[in-house]
Amino acid sequence: MGSDPSLRQLLTLVIGSVGLGYMLYGRKQAHAVALGCGVLLVVIPFGVNLPALTAVAMLLMVVLPFLLNRFLC
């Protein structure tokens, strides 16, 4: 069973936009974790073909900087 191409394009657009925001924030604030997550958010949609797996990876990359900041700082 294949996935809907329009859903994949929408996820790629949303994830890429969030990733761009994280990259800009990480660069401006010199926050390496946010910058790395931003880069991964831009790259992940091109390597993963399943929308569900893409959504899970996106959620992990969005939450990771908050968790690391809260528990390590």
PDB file of N, CA and C in Angstrom:
ATOM      1  N   MET A   1       0.840  -1.167   0.000  1.00  0.00           N
ATOM      2  CA  MET A   1       0.000   0.000   0.000  1.00  0.00           C
ATOM      3  C   MET A   1       0.894   1.243   0.000  1.00  0.00           C
ATOM      4  N   GLY A   2       0.724   2.114  -0.971  1.00  0.00           N
ATOM      5  CA  GLY A   2       1.559   3.297  -1.087  1.00  0.00           C
ATOM      6  C   GLY A   2       1.034   4.463  -0.269  1.00  0.00           C
ATOM      7  N   SER A   3       1.906   5.426  -0.055  1.00  0.00           N
ATOM      8  CA  SER A   3       1.492   6.612   0.688  1.00  0.00           C
ATOM      9  C   SER A   3       1.066   7.703  -0.287  1.00  0.00           C
ATOM     10  N   ASP A   4       0.264   8.606   0.196  1.00  0.00           N
ATOM     11  CA  ASP A   4      -0.255   9.695  -0.611  1.00  0.00           C
ATOM     12  C   ASP A   4       0.857  10.713  -0.871  1.00  0.00           C
ATOM     13  N   PRO A   5       1.160  11.027  -2.141  1.00  0.00           N
ATOM     14  CA  PRO A   5       2.244  11.975  -2.425  1.00  0.00           C
ATOM     15  C   PRO A   5       1.969  13.384  -1.894  1.00  0.00           C
ATOM     16  N   SER A   6       0.706  13.791  -1.867  1.00  0.00           N
ATOM     17  CA  SER A   6       0.414  15.134  -1.369  1.00  0.00           C
ATOM     18  C   SER A   6       0.649  15.223   0.134  1.00  0.00           C
ATOM     19  N   LEU A   7       0.378  14.145   0.862  1.00  0.00           N
ATOM     20  CA  LEU A   7       0.656  14.122   2.299  1.00  0.00           C
ATOM     21  C   LEU A   7       2.157  14.208   2.542  1.00  0.00           C
ATOM     22  N   ARG A   8       2.924  13.501   1.745  1.00  0.00           N
ATOM     23  CA  ARG A   8       4.381  13.534   1.881  1.00  0.00           C
ATOM     24  C   ARG A   8       4.922  14.931   1.584  1.00  0.00           C
ATOM     25  N   GLN A   9       4.386  15.584   0.558  1.00  0.00           N
ATOM     26  CA  GLN A   9       4.828  16.938   0.235  1.00  0.00           C
ATOM     27  C   GLN A   9       4.479  17.922   1.347  1.00  0.00           C
ATOM     28  N   LEU A  10       3.292  17.777   1.918  1.00  0.00           N
ATOM     29  CA  LEU A  10       2.882  18.645   3.010  1.00  0.00           C
ATOM     30  C   LEU A  10       3.777  18.444   4.236  1.00  0.00           C
ATOM     31  N   LEU A  11       4.051  17.186   4.578  1.00  0.00           N
ATOM     32  CA  LEU A  11       4.940  16.902   5.707  1.00  0.00           C
ATOM     33  C   LEU A  11       6.338  17.461   5.463  1.00  0.00           C
ATOM     34  N   THR A  12       6.840  17.308   4.245  1.00  0.00           N
ATOM     35  CA  THR A  12       8.163  17.821   3.909  1.00  0.00           C
ATOM     36  C   THR A  12       8.212  19.337   4.055  1.00  0.00           C
ATOM     37  N   LEU A  13       7.162  20.016   3.602  1.00  0.00           N
ATOM     38  CA  LEU A  13       7.103  21.469   3.709  1.00  0.00           C
ATOM     39  C   LEU A  13       7.056  21.917   5.167  1.00  0.00           C
ATOM     40  N   VAL A  14       6.215  21.293   5.960  1.00  0.00           N
ATOM     41  CA  VAL A  14       6.080  21.673   7.368  1.00  0.00           C
ATOM     42  C   VAL A  14       7.375  21.370   8.136  1.00  0.00           C
ATOM     43  N   ILE A  15       7.901  20.180   7.946  1.00  0.00           N
ATOM     44  CA  ILE A  15       9.122  19.786   8.661  1.00  0.00           C
ATOM     45  C   ILE A  15      10.299  20.654   8.240  1.00  0.00           C
ATOM     46  N   GLY A  16      10.408  20.943   6.953  1.00  0.00           N
ATOM     47  CA  GLY A  16      11.484  21.806   6.472  1.00  0.00           C
ATOM     48  C   GLY A  16      11.387  23.214   7.032  1.00  0.00           C
ATOM     49  N   SER A  17      10.167  23.734   7.155  1.00  0.00           N
ATOM     50  CA  SER A  17       9.973  25.072   7.720  1.00  0.00           C
ATOM     51  C   SER A  17      10.366  25.112   9.191  1.00  0.00           C
ATOM     52  N   VAL A  18       9.969  24.111   9.936  1.00  0.00           N
ATOM     53  CA  VAL A  18      10.353  24.035  11.351  1.00  0.00           C
ATOM     54  C   VAL A  18      11.871  23.883  11.466  1.00  0.00           C
ATOM     55  N   GLY A  19      12.454  23.075  10.605  1.00  0.00           N
ATOM     56  CA  GLY A  19      13.906  22.890  10.601  1.00  0.00           C
ATOM     57  C   GLY A  19      14.647  24.175  10.292  1.00  0.00           C
ATOM     58  N   LEU A  20      14.129  24.959   9.362  1.00  0.00           N
ATOM     59  CA  LEU A  20      14.749  26.241   9.044  1.00  0.00           C
ATOM     60  C   LEU A  20      14.703  27.164  10.254  1.00  0.00           C
ATOM     61  N   GLY A  21      13.574  27.175  10.949  1.00  0.00           N
ATOM     62  CA  GLY A  21      13.461  27.986  12.156  1.00  0.00           C
ATOM     63  C   GLY A  21      14.459  27.557  13.220  1.00  0.00           C
ATOM     64  N   TYR A  22      14.599  26.257  13.402  1.00  0.00           N
ATOM     65  CA  TYR A  22      15.571  25.750  14.383  1.00  0.00           C
ATOM     66  C   TYR A  22      17.000  26.106  13.973  1.00  0.00           C
ATOM     67  N   MET A  23      17.301  26.008  12.679  1.00  0.00           N
ATOM     68  CA  MET A  23      18.653  26.347  12.227  1.00  0.00           C
ATOM     69  C   MET A  23      18.958  27.819  12.470  1.00  0.00           C
ATOM     70  N   LEU A  24      18.007  28.695  12.157  1.00  0.00           N
ATOM     71  CA  LEU A  24      18.230  30.122  12.378  1.00  0.00           C
ATOM     72  C   LEU A  24      18.399  30.437  13.861  1.00  0.00           C
ATOM     73  N   TYR A  25      17.558  29.841  14.687  1.00  0.00           N
ATOM     74  CA  TYR A  25      17.664  30.035  16.131  1.00  0.00           C
ATOM     75  C   TYR A  25      19.000  29.502  16.655  1.00  0.00           C
ATOM     76  N   GLY A  26      19.367  28.294  16.227  1.00  0.00           N
ATOM     77  CA  GLY A  26      20.614  27.687  16.697  1.00  0.00           C
ATOM     78  C   GLY A  26      21.837  28.473  16.286  1.00  0.00           C
ATOM     79  N   ARG A  27      21.813  29.021  15.092  1.00  0.00           N
ATOM     80  CA  ARG A  27      22.952  29.816  14.640  1.00  0.00           C
ATOM     81  C   ARG A  27      23.023  31.147  15.383  1.00  0.00           C
ATOM     82  N   LYS A  28      21.885  31.804  15.537  1.00  0.00           N
ATOM     83  CA  LYS A  28      21.867  33.120  16.178  1.00  0.00           C
ATOM     84  C   LYS A  28      22.213  33.037  17.675  1.00  0.00           C
ATOM     85  N   GLN A  29      21.723  31.999  18.352  1.00  0.00           N
ATOM     86  CA  GLN A  29      21.950  31.860  19.796  1.00  0.00           C
ATOM     87  C   GLN A  29      23.168  30.995  20.119  1.00  0.00           C
ATOM     88  N   ALA A  30      23.866  30.500  19.115  1.00  0.00           N
ATOM     89  CA  ALA A  30      25.020  29.601  19.284  1.00  0.00           C
ATOM     90  C   ALA A  30      24.608  28.368  20.090  1.00  0.00           C
ATOM     91  N   HIS A  31      23.467  27.804  19.744  1.00  0.00           N
ATOM     92  CA  HIS A  31      22.918  26.620  20.412  1.00  0.00           C
ATOM     93  C   HIS A  31      23.100  25.437  19.457  1.00  0.00           C
ATOM     94  N   ALA A  32      24.127  24.624  19.708  1.00  0.00           N
ATOM     95  CA  ALA A  32      24.514  23.561  18.785  1.00  0.00           C
ATOM     96  C   ALA A  32      23.433  22.494  18.625  1.00  0.00           C
ATOM     97  N   VAL A  33      22.737  22.160  19.701  1.00  0.00           N
ATOM     98  CA  VAL A  33      21.706  21.119  19.620  1.00  0.00           C
ATOM     99  C   VAL A  33      20.558  21.573  18.713  1.00  0.00           C
ATOM    100  N   ALA A  34      20.118  22.809  18.872  1.00  0.00           N
ATOM    101  CA  ALA A  34      19.038  23.334  18.032  1.00  0.00           C
ATOM    102  C   ALA A  34      19.489  23.404  16.570  1.00  0.00           C
ATOM    103  N   LEU A  35      20.723  23.806  16.345  1.00  0.00           N
ATOM    104  CA  LEU A  35      21.244  23.865  14.983  1.00  0.00           C
ATOM    105  C   LEU A  35      21.302  22.476  14.365  1.00  0.00           C
ATOM    106  N   GLY A  36      21.791  21.495  15.111  1.00  0.00           N
ATOM    107  CA  GLY A  36      21.852  20.123  14.600  1.00  0.00           C
ATOM    108  C   GLY A  36      20.479  19.539  14.334  1.00  0.00           C
ATOM    109  N   CYS A  37      19.534  19.787  15.232  1.00  0.00           N
ATOM    110  CA  CYS A  37      18.167  19.299  15.023  1.00  0.00           C
ATOM    111  C   CYS A  37      17.536  19.977  13.821  1.00  0.00           C
ATOM    112  N   GLY A  38      17.837  21.250  13.622  1.00  0.00           N
ATOM    113  CA  GLY A  38      17.322  21.955  12.457  1.00  0.00           C
ATOM    114  C   GLY A  38      17.829  21.361  11.153  1.00  0.00           C
ATOM    115  N   VAL A  39      19.110  21.062  11.124  1.00  0.00           N
ATOM    116  CA  VAL A  39      19.685  20.432   9.923  1.00  0.00           C
ATOM    117  C   VAL A  39      19.041  19.060   9.684  1.00  0.00           C
ATOM    118  N   LEU A  40      18.889  18.292  10.752  1.00  0.00           N
ATOM    119  CA  LEU A  40      18.262  16.975  10.605  1.00  0.00           C
ATOM    120  C   LEU A  40      16.805  17.084  10.165  1.00  0.00           C
ATOM    121  N   LEU A  41      16.098  18.086  10.648  1.00  0.00           N
ATOM    122  CA  LEU A  41      14.710  18.269  10.244  1.00  0.00           C
ATOM    123  C   LEU A  41      14.593  18.626   8.766  1.00  0.00           C
ATOM    124  N   VAL A  42      15.583  19.295   8.235  1.00  0.00           N
ATOM    125  CA  VAL A  42      15.565  19.613   6.811  1.00  0.00           C
ATOM    126  C   VAL A  42      15.936  18.385   5.980  1.00  0.00           C
ATOM    127  N   VAL A  43      16.842  17.546   6.486  1.00  0.00           N
ATOM    128  CA  VAL A  43      17.359  16.406   5.718  1.00  0.00           C
ATOM    129  C   VAL A  43      16.482  15.157   5.837  1.00  0.00           C
ATOM    130  N   ILE A  44      15.892  14.906   7.004  1.00  0.00           N
ATOM    131  CA  ILE A  44      15.142  13.674   7.256  1.00  0.00           C
ATOM    132  C   ILE A  44      14.027  13.399   6.237  1.00  0.00           C
ATOM    133  N   PRO A  45      13.225  14.383   5.853  1.00  0.00           N
ATOM    134  CA  PRO A  45      12.135  14.063   4.913  1.00  0.00           C
ATOM    135  C   PRO A  45      12.605  13.523   3.570  1.00  0.00           C
ATOM    136  N   PHE A  46      13.829  13.832   3.180  1.00  0.00           N
ATOM    137  CA  PHE A  46      14.322  13.335   1.905  1.00  0.00           C
ATOM    138  C   PHE A  46      14.820  11.898   1.990  1.00  0.00           C
ATOM    139  N   GLY A  47      15.129  11.417   3.179  1.00  0.00           N
ATOM    140  CA  GLY A  47      15.645  10.071   3.337  1.00  0.00           C
ATOM    141  C   GLY A  47      14.614   9.058   3.790  1.00  0.00           C
ATOM    142  N   VAL A  48      13.504   9.531   4.325  1.00  0.00           N
ATOM    143  CA  VAL A  48      12.476   8.629   4.850  1.00  0.00           C
ATOM    144  C   VAL A  48      11.237   8.735   3.970  1.00  0.00           C
ATOM    145  N   ASN A  49      10.743   7.600   3.496  1.00  0.00           N
ATOM    146  CA  ASN A  49       9.616   7.611   2.572  1.00  0.00           C
ATOM    147  C   ASN A  49       8.259   7.421   3.238  1.00  0.00           C
ATOM    148  N   LEU A  50       8.234   6.931   4.454  1.00  0.00           N
ATOM    149  CA  LEU A  50       6.958   6.678   5.120  1.00  0.00           C
ATOM    150  C   LEU A  50       6.520   7.899   5.924  1.00  0.00           C
ATOM    151  N   PRO A  51       5.319   8.402   5.681  1.00  0.00           N
ATOM    152  CA  PRO A  51       4.860   9.595   6.404  1.00  0.00           C
ATOM    153  C   PRO A  51       4.797   9.398   7.914  1.00  0.00           C
ATOM    154  N   ALA A  52       4.414   8.229   8.371  1.00  0.00           N
ATOM    155  CA  ALA A  52       4.330   7.990   9.814  1.00  0.00           C
ATOM    156  C   ALA A  52       5.715   8.037  10.447  1.00  0.00           C
ATOM    157  N   LEU A  53       6.681   7.414   9.819  1.00  0.00           N
ATOM    158  CA  LEU A  53       8.049   7.432  10.331  1.00  0.00           C
ATOM    159  C   LEU A  53       8.636   8.840  10.271  1.00  0.00           C
ATOM    160  N   THR A  54       8.305   9.580   9.236  1.00  0.00           N
ATOM    161  CA  THR A  54       8.753  10.963   9.114  1.00  0.00           C
ATOM    162  C   THR A  54       8.177  11.811  10.240  1.00  0.00           C
ATOM    163  N   ALA A  55       6.900  11.612  10.547  1.00  0.00           N
ATOM    164  CA  ALA A  55       6.253  12.379  11.617  1.00  0.00           C
ATOM    165  C   ALA A  55       6.869  12.055  12.978  1.00  0.00           C
ATOM    166  N   VAL A  56       7.172  10.790  13.209  1.00  0.00           N
ATOM    167  CA  VAL A  56       7.799  10.393  14.479  1.00  0.00           C
ATOM    168  C   VAL A  56       9.201  10.997  14.588  1.00  0.00           C
ATOM    169  N   ALA A  57       9.963  10.949  13.519  1.00  0.00           N
ATOM    170  CA  ALA A  57      11.306  11.529  13.534  1.00  0.00           C
ATOM    171  C   ALA A  57      11.226  13.040  13.748  1.00  0.00           C
ATOM    172  N   MET A  58      10.236  13.695  13.149  1.00  0.00           N
ATOM    173  CA  MET A  58      10.064  15.127  13.328  1.00  0.00           C
ATOM    174  C   MET A  58       9.769  15.454  14.789  1.00  0.00           C
ATOM    175  N   LEU A  59       8.868  14.712  15.394  1.00  0.00           N
ATOM    176  CA  LEU A  59       8.528  14.965  16.788  1.00  0.00           C
ATOM    177  C   LEU A  59       9.739  14.784  17.708  1.00  0.00           C
ATOM    178  N   LEU A  60      10.533  13.773  17.441  1.00  0.00           N
ATOM    179  CA  LEU A  60      11.735  13.560  18.251  1.00  0.00           C
ATOM    180  C   LEU A  60      12.725  14.708  18.107  1.00  0.00           C
ATOM    181  N   MET A  61      12.916  15.189  16.890  1.00  0.00           N
ATOM    182  CA  MET A  61      13.863  16.277  16.663  1.00  0.00           C
ATOM    183  C   MET A  61      13.356  17.609  17.211  1.00  0.00           C
ATOM    184  N   VAL A  62      12.042  17.795  17.257  1.00  0.00           N
ATOM    185  CA  VAL A  62      11.484  19.032  17.804  1.00  0.00           C
ATOM    186  C   VAL A  62      11.584  19.038  19.325  1.00  0.00           C
ATOM    187  N   VAL A  63      11.364  17.894  19.956  1.00  0.00           N
ATOM    188  CA  VAL A  63      11.349  17.817  21.416  1.00  0.00           C
ATOM    189  C   VAL A  63      12.758  17.682  22.001  1.00  0.00           C
ATOM    190  N   LEU A  64      13.679  17.127  21.267  1.00  0.00           N
ATOM    191  CA  LEU A  64      15.032  16.865  21.766  1.00  0.00           C
ATOM    192  C   LEU A  64      15.734  18.101  22.352  1.00  0.00           C
ATOM    193  N   PRO A  65      15.755  19.264  21.698  1.00  0.00           N
ATOM    194  CA  PRO A  65      16.434  20.415  22.315  1.00  0.00           C
ATOM    195  C   PRO A  65      15.819  20.832  23.645  1.00  0.00           C
ATOM    196  N   PHE A  66      14.493  20.762  23.756  1.00  0.00           N
ATOM    197  CA  PHE A  66      13.850  21.121  25.021  1.00  0.00           C
ATOM    198  C   PHE A  66      14.224  20.144  26.136  1.00  0.00           C
ATOM    199  N   LEU A  67      14.227  18.858  25.814  1.00  0.00           N
ATOM    200  CA  LEU A  67      14.584  17.860  26.827  1.00  0.00           C
ATOM    201  C   LEU A  67      16.035  17.986  27.265  1.00  0.00           C
ATOM    202  N   LEU A  68      16.936  18.149  26.313  1.00  0.00           N
ATOM    203  CA  LEU A  68      18.346  18.296  26.653  1.00  0.00           C
ATOM    204  C   LEU A  68      18.589  19.564  27.456  1.00  0.00           C
ATOM    205  N   ASN A  69      17.916  20.634  27.094  1.00  0.00           N
ATOM    206  CA  ASN A  69      18.085  21.890  27.810  1.00  0.00           C
ATOM    207  C   ASN A  69      17.544  21.786  29.230  1.00  0.00           C
ATOM    208  N   ARG A  70      16.436  21.086  29.384  1.00  0.00           N
ATOM    209  CA  ARG A  70      15.811  20.987  30.699  1.00  0.00           C
ATOM    210  C   ARG A  70      16.575  20.068  31.652  1.00  0.00           C
ATOM    211  N   PHE A  71      17.042  18.927  31.133  1.00  0.00           N
ATOM    212  CA  PHE A  71      17.648  17.933  32.022  1.00  0.00           C
ATOM    213  C   PHE A  71      19.176  18.038  32.120  1.00  0.00           C
ATOM    214  N   LEU A  72      19.828  18.690  31.184  1.00  0.00           N
ATOM    215  CA  LEU A  72      21.280  18.770  31.244  1.00  0.00           C
ATOM    216  C   LEU A  72      21.779  20.120  31.732  1.00  0.00           C
ATOM    217  N   CYS A  73      20.953  21.133  31.667  1.00  0.00           N
ATOM    218  CA  CYS A  73      21.403  22.479  32.103  1.00  0.00           C
ATOM    219  C   CYS A  73      20.870  22.835  33.467  1.00  0.00           C
TER     220      CYS A  73
END
